Amino acid sequence: MEFVRELLPFLLGMVIIPPIFILLVPHGWSPRLKFIAIFVLCIIVGFVGSLIVGEQFGEVEERVVALVIDSSTAYAGSQIAYWMLWKPVLENRLQRYKPLQK
């Protein structure tokens, strides 16, 4: 059970964050604004992950540490999945269905 508790935020970050980021964040945003958006999204996913495994039902200090660890784990999972899986797959599909240019 401890394995699932530690792995859940990582898996949530891999599966949830990249598609949301790709579909909802406009391409015209600056890199700083994109980082802030993904950082906030990772905090939300980290909180949900720690809430699911029951780490948000203790003392304040323990909840904050669990949130920091789970958010950073979700961020790491999202970055690994984005650069190794989601971006190459989507770039290939977008180039295949790219409209003809004059």
Protein backbone atom coordinates (compact mmCIF):
# COMPACT_ATOMS: atom_id res chain seq x y z
CA MET A 1 0.00 0.00 0.00
CA GLU A 2 2.91 2.34 0.68
CA PHE A 3 4.06 1.86 -2.91
CA VAL A 4 0.69 3.03 -4.24
CA ARG A 5 0.67 5.96 -1.82
CA GLU A 6 3.97 7.24 -3.16
CA LEU A 7 3.35 6.39 -6.81
CA LEU A 8 -0.17 7.84 -7.20
CA PRO A 9 0.83 11.54 -7.56
CA PHE A 10 3.47 10.56 -10.12
CA LEU A 11 0.94 8.60 -12.19
CA LEU A 12 -1.67 11.34 -11.90
CA GLY A 13 0.93 13.82 -13.10
CA MET A 14 1.79 11.62 -16.07
CA VAL A 15 -1.78 11.01 -17.16
CA ILE A 16 -3.71 14.17 -16.23
CA ILE A 17 -1.41 17.19 -16.48
CA PRO A 18 0.08 16.94 -20.03
CA PRO A 19 -3.24 16.61 -21.89
CA ILE A 20 -4.77 19.44 -19.88
CA PHE A 21 -1.70 21.56 -20.55
CA ILE A 22 -1.68 20.79 -24.28
CA LEU A 23 -5.40 21.35 -24.76
CA LEU A 24 -6.01 24.40 -22.56
CA VAL A 25 -2.87 26.54 -22.52
CA PRO A 26 -2.62 28.92 -25.48
CA HIS A 27 0.55 28.76 -27.57
CA GLY A 28 1.05 32.52 -27.29
CA TRP A 29 1.76 32.48 -23.57
CA SER A 30 5.23 33.37 -22.37
CA PRO A 31 7.40 30.60 -20.89
CA ARG A 32 7.03 32.18 -17.44
CA LEU A 33 3.24 32.15 -17.64
CA LYS A 34 3.27 28.55 -18.89
CA PHE A 35 5.46 27.55 -15.94
CA ILE A 36 3.13 29.26 -13.47
CA ALA A 37 0.12 27.51 -15.03
CA ILE A 38 1.72 24.07 -14.87
CA PHE A 39 2.99 24.76 -11.33
CA VAL A 40 -0.52 25.61 -10.11
CA LEU A 41 -1.91 22.57 -11.90
CA CYS A 42 0.71 20.35 -10.24
CA ILE A 43 -0.20 21.74 -6.82
CA ILE A 44 -3.86 20.93 -7.46
CA VAL A 45 -3.06 17.40 -8.69
CA GLY A 46 -0.65 16.88 -5.79
CA PHE A 47 -3.33 17.93 -3.33
CA VAL A 48 -5.91 15.63 -4.91
CA GLY A 49 -3.40 12.75 -4.91
CA SER A 50 -2.51 13.23 -1.27
CA LEU A 51 -6.20 13.61 -0.42
CA ILE A 52 -7.01 10.29 -2.12
CA VAL A 53 -4.37 8.39 -0.14
CA GLY A 54 -5.32 10.11 3.11
CA GLU A 55 -2.27 12.28 3.71
CA GLN A 56 -4.35 15.45 4.14
CA PHE A 57 -5.99 14.28 7.37
CA GLY A 58 -3.34 15.03 9.97
CA GLU A 59 -1.53 17.92 11.54
CA VAL A 60 -0.82 21.02 9.50
CA GLU A 61 2.92 20.40 9.25
CA GLU A 62 2.43 16.86 7.96
CA ARG A 63 -0.17 18.02 5.44
CA VAL A 64 2.12 20.74 4.08
CA VAL A 65 5.05 18.33 3.72
CA ALA A 66 2.79 15.79 1.98
CA LEU A 67 1.52 18.51 -0.37
CA VAL A 68 5.05 19.64 -1.27
CA ILE A 69 6.26 16.10 -1.89
CA ASP A 70 3.20 15.04 -3.87
CA SER A 71 3.16 18.24 -5.94
CA SER A 72 6.83 17.88 -6.84
CA THR A 73 6.28 14.23 -7.70
CA ALA A 74 3.32 15.17 -9.92
CA TYR A 75 5.47 17.84 -11.60
CA ALA A 76 8.25 15.34 -12.27
CA GLY A 77 5.79 12.83 -13.69
CA SER A 78 4.18 15.44 -15.90
CA GLN A 79 7.48 16.59 -17.34
CA ILE A 80 8.74 13.09 -18.02
CA ALA A 81 5.48 12.08 -19.69
CA TYR A 82 5.19 15.33 -21.66
CA TRP A 83 8.67 15.25 -23.17
CA MET A 84 8.89 11.48 -23.70
CA LEU A 85 5.34 10.53 -24.65
CA TRP A 86 2.74 13.24 -25.17
CA LYS A 87 4.75 15.77 -27.19
CA PRO A 88 6.29 13.32 -29.69
CA VAL A 89 2.95 11.59 -30.27
CA LEU A 90 1.01 14.81 -30.70
CA GLU A 91 3.65 16.50 -32.85
CA ASN A 92 3.63 13.54 -35.22
CA ARG A 93 -0.17 13.62 -35.49
CA LEU A 94 -0.28 17.41 -35.95
CA GLN A 95 2.30 17.27 -38.73
CA ARG A 96 0.36 14.50 -40.48
CA TYR A 97 -2.90 16.48 -40.47
CA LYS A 98 -1.32 19.87 -41.14
CA PRO A 99 -3.23 21.84 -43.78
CA LEU A 100 -1.46 22.48 -47.05
CA GLN A 101 0.35 25.80 -47.22
CA LYS A 102 0.62 27.90 -50.36
